[in-house]
C-alpha atoms as a PDB file:
ATOM      1  CA  MET A   1       9.405  27.537   6.789  1.00  0.00           C
ATOM      2  CA  SER A   2      12.975  26.529   7.628  1.00  0.00           C
ATOM      3  CA  VAL A   3      15.615  28.135   5.424  1.00  0.00           C
ATOM      4  CA  TRP A   4      16.999  24.768   4.328  1.00  0.00           C
ATOM      5  CA  LEU A   5      13.643  23.878   2.755  1.00  0.00           C
ATOM      6  CA  VAL A   6      13.445  26.982   0.550  1.00  0.00           C
ATOM      7  CA  GLY A   7      13.813  26.741  -3.222  1.00  0.00           C
ATOM      8  CA  VAL A   8      14.997  23.929  -5.438  1.00  0.00           C
ATOM      9  CA  SER A   9      17.684  22.879  -2.988  1.00  0.00           C
ATOM     10  CA  GLY A  10      15.028  22.401  -0.314  1.00  0.00           C
ATOM     11  CA  PHE A  11      13.050  20.074  -2.570  1.00  0.00           C
ATOM     12  CA  VAL A  12      16.180  18.081  -3.409  1.00  0.00           C
ATOM     13  CA  ILE A  13      16.950  17.650   0.294  1.00  0.00           C
ATOM     14  CA  MET A  14      13.384  16.494   1.005  1.00  0.00           C
ATOM     15  CA  LEU A  15      13.506  14.130  -1.960  1.00  0.00           C
ATOM     16  CA  ALA A  16      16.758  12.573  -0.773  1.00  0.00           C
ATOM     17  CA  LEU A  17      15.494  12.158   2.801  1.00  0.00           C
ATOM     18  CA  THR A  18      12.209  10.634   1.638  1.00  0.00           C
ATOM     19  CA  TYR A  19      13.971   8.186  -0.666  1.00  0.00           C
ATOM     20  CA  VAL A  20      16.334   7.065   2.086  1.00  0.00           C
ATOM     21  CA  VAL A  21      13.435   6.473   4.496  1.00  0.00           C
ATOM     22  CA  LEU A  22      11.402   4.507   1.942  1.00  0.00           C
ATOM     23  CA  MET A  23      14.406   2.431   0.887  1.00  0.00           C
ATOM     24  CA  VAL A  24      15.204   1.591   4.512  1.00  0.00           C
ATOM     25  CA  LEU A  25      11.570   0.597   5.063  1.00  0.00           C
ATOM     26  CA  TYR A  26      11.507  -1.459   1.875  1.00  0.00           C
ATOM     27  CA  PHE A  27      14.607  -3.506   2.616  1.00  0.00           C
ATOM     28  CA  SER A  28      14.079  -3.865   6.358  1.00  0.00           C
ATOM     29  CA  MET A  29      10.448  -4.934   5.933  1.00  0.00           C
ATOM     30  CA  GLY A  30      11.346  -7.187   3.024  1.00  0.00           C
ATOM     31  CA  ILE A  31      14.033  -9.016   4.964  1.00  0.00           C
ATOM     32  CA  ALA A  32      11.913  -9.291   8.114  1.00  0.00           C
ATOM     33  CA  LEU A  33       8.844 -10.638   6.297  1.00  0.00           C
ATOM     34  CA  GLU A  34      10.971 -13.041   4.268  1.00  0.00           C
ATOM     35  CA  LEU A  35      12.552 -14.488   7.410  1.00  0.00           C
ATOM     36  CA  ILE A  36       9.243 -14.773   9.264  1.00  0.00           C
ATOM     37  CA  SER A  37       7.529 -16.367   6.261  1.00  0.00           C
ATOM     38  CA  ALA A  38      10.305 -18.948   5.838  1.00  0.00           C
ATOM     39  CA  ARG A  39       9.635 -20.165   9.384  1.00  0.00           C
ATOM     40  CA  HIS A  40       5.895 -20.602   8.778  1.00  0.00           C
ATOM     41  CA  PRO A  41       5.244 -22.463   5.503  1.00  0.00           C
ATOM     42  CA  GLU A  42       1.791 -23.386   6.812  1.00  0.00           C
ATOM     43  CA  ARG A  43       0.792 -19.722   6.462  1.00  0.00           C
ATOM     44  CA  ARG A  44       1.547 -19.596   2.723  1.00  0.00           C
ATOM     45  CA  ILE A  45      -1.500 -18.470   0.767  1.00  0.00           C
ATOM     46  CA  GLN A  46      -0.725 -19.928  -2.682  1.00  0.00           C
ATOM     47  CA  HIS A  47       0.999 -23.044  -4.028  1.00  0.00           C
ATOM     48  CA  ARG A  48       2.324 -21.196  -7.075  1.00  0.00           C
ATOM     49  CA  ALA A  49       6.004 -20.302  -7.322  1.00  0.00           C
ATOM     50  CA  ALA A  50       6.717 -16.908  -5.763  1.00  0.00           C
ATOM     51  CA  SER A  51       7.564 -13.916  -7.932  1.00  0.00           C
ATOM     52  CA  ASN A  52      11.163 -13.255  -8.962  1.00  0.00           C
ATOM     53  CA  LYS A  53      12.876 -11.429  -6.108  1.00  0.00           C
ATOM     54  CA  GLN A  54      15.594  -9.811  -8.228  1.00  0.00           C
ATOM     55  CA  THR A  55      13.069  -8.448 -10.734  1.00  0.00           C
ATOM     56  CA  ASP A  56      10.877  -7.117  -7.938  1.00  0.00           C
ATOM     57  CA  ILE A  57      13.774  -5.333  -6.245  1.00  0.00           C
ATOM     58  CA  ARG A  58      15.212  -3.797  -9.434  1.00  0.00           C
ATOM     59  CA  GLN A  59      11.911  -2.242 -10.454  1.00  0.00           C
ATOM     60  CA  SER A  60      11.019  -1.237  -6.893  1.00  0.00           C
ATOM     61  CA  ILE A  61      14.211   0.822  -6.557  1.00  0.00           C
ATOM     62  CA  LEU A  62      13.061   2.915  -9.535  1.00  0.00           C
ATOM     63  CA  SER A  63       9.428   3.103  -8.439  1.00  0.00           C
ATOM     64  CA  LEU A  64      10.341   4.171  -4.916  1.00  0.00           C
ATOM     65  CA  PHE A  65      12.294   7.088  -6.331  1.00  0.00           C
ATOM     66  CA  SER A  66       9.229   8.355  -8.207  1.00  0.00           C
ATOM     67  CA  ILE A  67       7.077   7.813  -5.108  1.00  0.00           C
ATOM     68  CA  SER A  68       9.618   9.807  -3.091  1.00  0.00           C
ATOM     69  CA  ALA A  69       9.270  12.638  -5.615  1.00  0.00           C
ATOM     70  CA  TYR A  70       5.482  12.726  -5.109  1.00  0.00           C
ATOM     71  CA  VAL A  71       5.748  12.667  -1.313  1.00  0.00           C
ATOM     72  CA  ALA A  72       8.545  15.229  -1.172  1.00  0.00           C
ATOM     73  CA  GLY A  73       6.841  17.402  -3.793  1.00  0.00           C
ATOM     74  CA  GLY A  74       3.541  17.477  -1.924  1.00  0.00           C
ATOM     75  CA  LEU A  75       5.218  18.327   1.374  1.00  0.00           C
ATOM     76  CA  TRP A  76       7.457  20.953  -0.222  1.00  0.00           C
ATOM     77  CA  LEU A  77       4.494  22.650  -1.926  1.00  0.00           C
ATOM     78  CA  GLN A  78       2.539  22.636   1.314  1.00  0.00           C
ATOM     79  CA  LEU A  79       5.428  24.049   3.342  1.00  0.00           C
ATOM     80  CA  SER A  80       5.967  26.675   0.632  1.00  0.00           C
ATOM     81  CA  GLY A  81       2.412  27.915   1.078  1.00  0.00           C
ATOM     82  CA  TYR A  82       0.797  26.427  -2.029  1.00  0.00           C
ATOM     83  CA  THR A  83      -2.315  25.196  -0.230  1.00  0.00           C
ATOM     84  CA  LEU A  84      -6.063  25.545  -0.654  1.00  0.00           C
ATOM     85  CA  PHE A  85      -6.647  25.971   3.098  1.00  0.00           C
ATOM     86  CA  ASN A  86      -4.713  27.172   6.113  1.00  0.00           C
ATOM     87  CA  ILE A  87      -2.853  24.274   7.715  1.00  0.00           C
ATOM     88  CA  TRP A  88      -4.188  23.083  11.053  1.00  0.00           C
ATOM     89  CA  GLU A  89      -2.053  23.676  14.086  1.00  0.00           C
ATOM     90  CA  LEU A  90       0.017  20.642  14.995  1.00  0.00           C
ATOM     91  CA  SER A  91      -1.551  18.710  17.880  1.00  0.00           C
ATOM     92  CA  TRP A  92      -2.477  15.159  18.812  1.00  0.00           C
ATOM     93  CA  TRP A  93      -6.053  15.622  17.645  1.00  0.00           C
ATOM     94  CA  SER A  94      -5.054  17.170  14.308  1.00  0.00           C
ATOM     95  CA  ILE A  95      -2.676  14.254  13.662  1.00  0.00           C
ATOM     96  CA  ILE A  96      -5.247  11.586  14.577  1.00  0.00           C
ATOM     97  CA  VAL A  97      -8.159  13.185  12.708  1.00  0.00           C
ATOM     98  CA  GLY A  98      -5.982  14.068   9.731  1.00  0.00           C
ATOM     99  CA  LEU A  99      -4.515  10.577   9.490  1.00  0.00           C
ATOM    100  CA  LEU A 100      -7.918   8.878   9.707  1.00  0.00           C
ATOM    101  CA  VAL A 101      -9.435  11.163   7.065  1.00  0.00           C
ATOM    102  CA  SER A 102      -6.423  10.816   4.780  1.00  0.00           C
ATOM    103  CA  VAL A 103      -6.470   7.008   4.990  1.00  0.00           C
ATOM    104  CA  VAL A 104     -10.203   6.872   4.192  1.00  0.00           C
ATOM    105  CA  ILE A 105      -9.900   9.269   1.237  1.00  0.00           C
ATOM    106  CA  TYR A 106      -6.842   7.456  -0.092  1.00  0.00           C
ATOM    107  CA  ASP A 107      -8.691   4.153   0.028  1.00  0.00           C
ATOM    108  CA  ALA A 108     -11.311   5.600  -2.341  1.00  0.00           C
ATOM    109  CA  TRP A 109      -8.579   7.135  -4.530  1.00  0.00           C
ATOM    110  CA  PHE A 110      -6.754   3.795  -4.706  1.00  0.00           C
ATOM    111  CA  TYR A 111      -9.872   1.747  -5.424  1.00  0.00           C
ATOM    112  CA  TRP A 112     -11.088   3.807  -8.380  1.00  0.00           C
ATOM    113  CA  PHE A 113      -7.702   4.465  -9.953  1.00  0.00           C
ATOM    114  CA  HIS A 114      -6.805   0.810  -9.456  1.00  0.00           C
ATOM    115  CA  ARG A 115      -9.990  -0.282 -11.233  1.00  0.00           C
ATOM    116  CA  LEU A 116      -9.222   2.203 -13.999  1.00  0.00           C
ATOM    117  CA  MET A 117      -5.816   0.573 -14.481  1.00  0.00           C
ATOM    118  CA  HIS A 118      -7.537  -2.782 -14.922  1.00  0.00           C
ATOM    119  CA  THR A 119      -9.511  -1.541 -17.923  1.00  0.00           C
ATOM    120  CA  LYS A 120      -8.402  -2.486 -21.434  1.00  0.00           C
ATOM    121  CA  LEU A 121      -7.285   1.074 -22.144  1.00  0.00           C
ATOM    122  CA  PHE A 122      -4.965   1.455 -19.143  1.00  0.00           C
ATOM    123  CA  TYR A 123      -3.924  -2.060 -18.152  1.00  0.00           C
ATOM    124  CA  ARG A 124      -0.643  -1.811 -20.085  1.00  0.00           C
ATOM    125  CA  PHE A 125       0.470   0.680 -17.429  1.00  0.00           C
ATOM    126  CA  HIS A 126      -0.255  -1.825 -14.644  1.00  0.00           C
ATOM    127  CA  ALA A 127       0.782  -5.106 -16.240  1.00  0.00           C
ATOM    128  CA  GLN A 128       4.266  -4.919 -14.724  1.00  0.00           C
ATOM    129  CA  HIS A 129       2.817  -5.222 -11.225  1.00  0.00           C
ATOM    130  CA  HIS A 130       0.774  -8.296 -12.151  1.00  0.00           C
ATOM    131  CA  VAL A 131       3.777 -10.236 -13.358  1.00  0.00           C
ATOM    132  CA  SER A 132       3.759 -11.236  -9.669  1.00  0.00           C
ATOM    133  CA  VAL A 133       0.873 -13.724  -9.588  1.00  0.00           C
ATOM    134  CA  ALA A 134       2.086 -15.087  -6.250  1.00  0.00           C
ATOM    135  CA  PRO A 135       3.594 -11.933  -4.712  1.00  0.00           C
ATOM    136  CA  THR A 136       6.081 -11.529  -1.906  1.00  0.00           C
ATOM    137  CA  ALA A 137       6.838  -8.471   0.190  1.00  0.00           C
ATOM    138  CA  TRP A 138       9.418  -7.488  -2.445  1.00  0.00           C
ATOM    139  CA  SER A 139       6.605  -7.198  -5.040  1.00  0.00           C
ATOM    140  CA  ASN A 140       4.863  -4.268  -3.382  1.00  0.00           C
ATOM    141  CA  ASN A 141       6.595  -1.552  -5.417  1.00  0.00           C
ATOM    142  CA  ASN A 142       7.223  -3.532  -8.595  1.00  0.00           C
ATOM    143  CA  ASP A 143       5.276  -1.265 -10.938  1.00  0.00           C
ATOM    144  CA  ASN A 144       6.169   0.963 -13.867  1.00  0.00           C
ATOM    145  CA  LEU A 145       6.310   4.736 -13.520  1.00  0.00           C
ATOM    146  CA  VAL A 146       2.862   5.402 -15.003  1.00  0.00           C
ATOM    147  CA  GLY A 147       1.208   2.799 -12.817  1.00  0.00           C
ATOM    148  CA  THR A 148       2.966   4.247  -9.799  1.00  0.00           C
ATOM    149  CA  PHE A 149       1.704   7.715 -10.725  1.00  0.00           C
ATOM    150  CA  PHE A 150      -1.927   6.555 -10.818  1.00  0.00           C
ATOM    151  CA  GLU A 151      -1.782   5.220  -7.272  1.00  0.00           C
ATOM    152  CA  GLN A 152       0.842   7.317  -5.513  1.00  0.00           C
ATOM    153  CA  SER A 153       0.337  10.831  -6.885  1.00  0.00           C
ATOM    154  CA  TYR A 154      -2.209  11.166  -4.077  1.00  0.00           C
ATOM    155  CA  PHE A 155       0.717  12.152  -1.879  1.00  0.00           C
ATOM    156  CA  LEU A 156       1.557  14.985  -4.264  1.00  0.00           C
ATOM    157  CA  VAL A 157      -1.999  16.339  -4.407  1.00  0.00           C
ATOM    158  CA  ALA A 158      -3.353  15.722  -0.888  1.00  0.00           C
ATOM    159  CA  PRO A 159      -1.049  18.127   1.022  1.00  0.00           C
ATOM    160  CA  ILE A 160      -2.221  20.949  -1.272  1.00  0.00           C
ATOM    161  CA  LEU A 161      -5.931  20.213  -0.948  1.00  0.00           C
ATOM    162  CA  MET A 162      -6.184  19.154   2.705  1.00  0.00           C
ATOM    163  CA  PRO A 163      -5.456  21.295   5.787  1.00  0.00           C
ATOM    164  CA  PHE A 164      -3.570  18.641   7.733  1.00  0.00           C
ATOM    165  CA  PRO A 165      -0.060  19.199   9.161  1.00  0.00           C
ATOM    166  CA  PRO A 166       2.806  17.743   7.074  1.00  0.00           C
ATOM    167  CA  VAL A 167       3.496  15.032   9.649  1.00  0.00           C
ATOM    168  CA  VAL A 168       0.082  13.504   8.814  1.00  0.00           C
ATOM    169  CA  PHE A 169       1.184  12.741   5.253  1.00  0.00           C
ATOM    170  CA  VAL A 170       4.568  11.478   6.435  1.00  0.00           C
ATOM    171  CA  LEU A 171       2.890   9.043   8.831  1.00  0.00           C
ATOM    172  CA  HIS A 172       0.344   8.066   6.211  1.00  0.00           C
ATOM    173  CA  LYS A 173       3.065   7.210   3.683  1.00  0.00           C
ATOM    174  CA  VAL A 174       4.987   5.163   6.262  1.00  0.00           C
ATOM    175  CA  TRP A 175       1.765   3.314   7.097  1.00  0.00           C
ATOM    176  CA  ASP A 176       1.049   2.782   3.402  1.00  0.00           C
ATOM    177  CA  GLN A 177       4.518   1.361   2.753  1.00  0.00           C
ATOM    178  CA  VAL A 178       4.433  -0.990   5.730  1.00  0.00           C
ATOM    179  CA  THR A 179       0.897  -2.285   5.156  1.00  0.00           C
ATOM    180  CA  GLY A 180       1.495  -2.542   1.418  1.00  0.00           C
ATOM    181  CA  MET A 181       4.443  -4.858   1.955  1.00  0.00           C
ATOM    182  CA  ILE A 182       2.482  -6.929   4.460  1.00  0.00           C
ATOM    183  CA  GLY A 183      -0.341  -7.147   1.914  1.00  0.00           C
ATOM    184  CA  HIS A 184       2.040  -8.609  -0.662  1.00  0.00           C
ATOM    185  CA  ALA A 185       3.873 -10.939   1.745  1.00  0.00           C
ATOM    186  CA  GLY A 186       2.279 -14.129   0.403  1.00  0.00           C
ATOM    187  CA  HIS A 187       1.894 -15.550   3.924  1.00  0.00           C
ATOM    188  CA  GLU A 188      -1.053 -14.823   6.191  1.00  0.00           C
ATOM    189  CA  PHE A 189      -0.304 -13.636   9.724  1.00  0.00           C
ATOM    190  CA  PHE A 190      -3.104 -11.107  10.243  1.00  0.00           C
ATOM    191  CA  ALA A 191      -6.305 -13.071   9.667  1.00  0.00           C
ATOM    192  CA  SER A 192      -8.818 -12.128  12.363  1.00  0.00           C
ATOM    193  CA  PRO A 193     -12.506 -11.219  12.740  1.00  0.00           C
ATOM    194  CA  SER A 194     -11.569  -7.563  12.108  1.00  0.00           C
ATOM    195  CA  ALA A 195     -10.587  -8.550   8.545  1.00  0.00           C
ATOM    196  CA  ARG A 196     -14.065  -9.828   7.643  1.00  0.00           C
ATOM    197  CA  ALA A 197     -17.713  -8.806   7.960  1.00  0.00           C
ATOM    198  CA  PRO A 198     -19.086  -6.928   9.721  1.00  0.00           C
ATOM    199  CA  TRP A 199     -15.730  -5.168   9.990  1.00  0.00           C
ATOM    200  CA  PRO A 200     -14.198  -3.393   6.968  1.00  0.00           C
ATOM    201  CA  GLY A 201     -10.547  -4.295   7.574  1.00  0.00           C
ATOM    202  CA  VAL A 202      -8.336  -6.478   5.380  1.00  0.00           C
ATOM    203  CA  CYS A 203      -5.480  -8.942   5.807  1.00  0.00           C
ATOM    204  CA  THR A 204      -2.805 -10.289   3.467  1.00  0.00           C
ATOM    205  CA  THR A 205      -5.225 -12.738   1.831  1.00  0.00           C
ATOM    206  CA  TYR A 206      -7.226  -9.798   0.479  1.00  0.00           C
ATOM    207  CA  HIS A 207      -4.567  -8.418  -1.864  1.00  0.00           C
ATOM    208  CA  ASP A 208      -3.081 -11.834  -2.556  1.00  0.00           C
ATOM    209  CA  GLN A 209      -6.426 -12.819  -4.070  1.00  0.00           C
ATOM    210  CA  HIS A 210      -6.254  -9.719  -6.245  1.00  0.00           C
ATOM    211  CA  HIS A 211      -2.977 -10.977  -7.727  1.00  0.00           C
ATOM    212  CA  SER A 212      -4.197 -14.544  -8.202  1.00  0.00           C
ATOM    213  CA  TYR A 213      -7.732 -13.809  -9.448  1.00  0.00           C
ATOM    214  CA  PHE A 214      -7.168 -10.355 -10.983  1.00  0.00           C
ATOM    215  CA  HIS A 215     -10.774  -9.053 -11.102  1.00  0.00           C
ATOM    216  CA  PHE A 216     -11.392  -8.782  -7.352  1.00  0.00           C
ATOM    217  CA  ASN A 217     -10.267  -6.862  -4.243  1.00  0.00           C
ATOM    218  CA  PHE A 218      -9.177  -3.505  -5.673  1.00  0.00           C
ATOM    219  CA  ALA A 219      -9.007  -1.345  -2.545  1.00  0.00           C
ATOM    220  CA  ASN A 220      -6.108  -0.598  -0.222  1.00  0.00           C
ATOM    221  CA  THR A 221      -7.148  -0.568   3.429  1.00  0.00           C
ATOM    222  CA  PHE A 222     -10.856  -1.401   3.640  1.00  0.00           C
ATOM    223  CA  THR A 223     -13.311  -3.709   1.877  1.00  0.00           C
ATOM    224  CA  ILE A 224     -16.052  -1.058   1.784  1.00  0.00           C
ATOM    225  CA  TRP A 225     -15.770  -0.132  -1.904  1.00  0.00           C
ATOM    226  CA  ASP A 226     -15.428  -3.749  -2.989  1.00  0.00           C
ATOM    227  CA  ARG A 227     -18.555  -4.689  -1.048  1.00  0.00           C
ATOM    228  CA  LEU A 228     -20.528  -1.762  -2.455  1.00  0.00           C
ATOM    229  CA  CYS A 229     -19.411  -2.429  -6.036  1.00  0.00           C
ATOM    230  CA  GLY A 230     -19.553  -6.234  -5.939  1.00  0.00           C
ATOM    231  CA  THR A 231     -15.816  -6.753  -6.497  1.00  0.00           C
ATOM    232  CA  LEU A 232     -14.965  -8.571  -3.269  1.00  0.00           C
ATOM    233  CA  HIS A 233     -13.767 -12.098  -4.011  1.00  0.00           C
ATOM    234  CA  PRO A 234     -16.550 -14.555  -3.054  1.00  0.00           C
ATOM    235  CA  ARG A 235     -14.119 -16.762  -1.098  1.00  0.00           C
ATOM    236  CA  TYR A 236     -12.328 -13.955   0.703  1.00  0.00           C
ATOM    237  CA  GLU A 237     -14.060 -14.340   4.055  1.00  0.00           C
ATOM    238  CA  SER A 238     -13.940 -18.136   4.033  1.00  0.00           C
ATOM    239  CA  ARG A 239     -10.186 -17.970   3.407  1.00  0.00           C
ATOM    240  CA  VAL A 240      -9.780 -15.534   6.297  1.00  0.00           C
ATOM    241  CA  ARG A 241     -11.617 -17.969   8.575  1.00  0.00           C
ATOM    242  CA  GLU A 242      -9.390 -20.764   7.300  1.00  0.00           C
ATOM    243  CA  PHE A 243      -6.250 -18.891   8.331  1.00  0.00           C
ATOM    244  CA  GLU A 244      -7.823 -18.037  11.676  1.00  0.00           C
ATOM    245  CA  ARG A 245      -8.122 -21.778  12.282  1.00  0.00           C
ATOM    246  CA  ILE A 246      -4.494 -22.305  11.245  1.00  0.00           C
ATOM    247  CA  ALA A 247      -3.426 -19.560  13.676  1.00  0.00           C
ATOM    248  CA  ASP A 248      -5.300 -21.420  16.423  1.00  0.00           C
ATOM    249  CA  GLY A 249      -3.421 -24.629  15.601  1.00  0.00           C
ATOM    250  CA  GLN A 250      -6.354 -26.334  13.897  1.00  0.00           C
ATOM    251  CA  PRO A 251      -5.932 -28.262  10.627  1.00  0.00           C
ATOM    252  CA  ALA A 252      -6.853 -26.419   7.446  1.00  0.00           C
ATOM    253  CA  LYS A 253      -9.999 -27.626   5.682  1.00  0.00           C
ATOM    254  CA  ASN A 254      -8.939 -26.363   2.260  1.00  0.00           C
ATOM    255  CA  LYS A 255      -5.625 -26.277   0.414  1.00  0.00           C
ATOM    256  CA  PRO A 256      -4.051 -22.884  -0.260  1.00  0.00           C
ATOM    257  CA  SER A 257      -5.310 -21.269  -3.462  1.00  0.00           C
END
């Protein structure tokens, strides 16, 4: 391991770098999605007033710091040799396989911990995030520290338990941040057949329905767990088809929910 990553100072450096990257992603994605959405009001998913931007940003700045600590901590522990398995040699195949496996495992992690946070016992730790009934991209990281821990501590644990090179978890977290903000954007630009049966993918409508209906659509990247457990919103696929028609320039049959 590089000398500059050794000891407490190494962790602090990794924490600072991770926080800078996530903050740059947060603000650049937020601005970009806000500008694109403003030009396409026909793609808006809900009629409700959007969440408070200032509140979202203030809480997200804190949450992103704790997320950075999990990501940096997991990578630092892995690079320091605290791993269950020997790390795979860095190669294209190890990155691709590792990233695919990590995304699939994280989707299961997210689904079950997310459902746990919606129980009576734990919901108080997640209520902050659901202040945003009609979310925007800025809402993605608006969560309290306990709620953030439930979902994001995966990035602290996974590098210790999985044999994938560190770059896999870096790429996975970048992917998670980008897709998470798209999922909260409040405007649908990614509706396509790949986001509905028989395919397991999702689009922005998927997580937007979670915010507006609360008891549906708990996963992160795929609809597999929701389909198996009966928690997929019954109008999810019809709404995806509706936005496909809008993308093709056809008139919408239903008003936004």
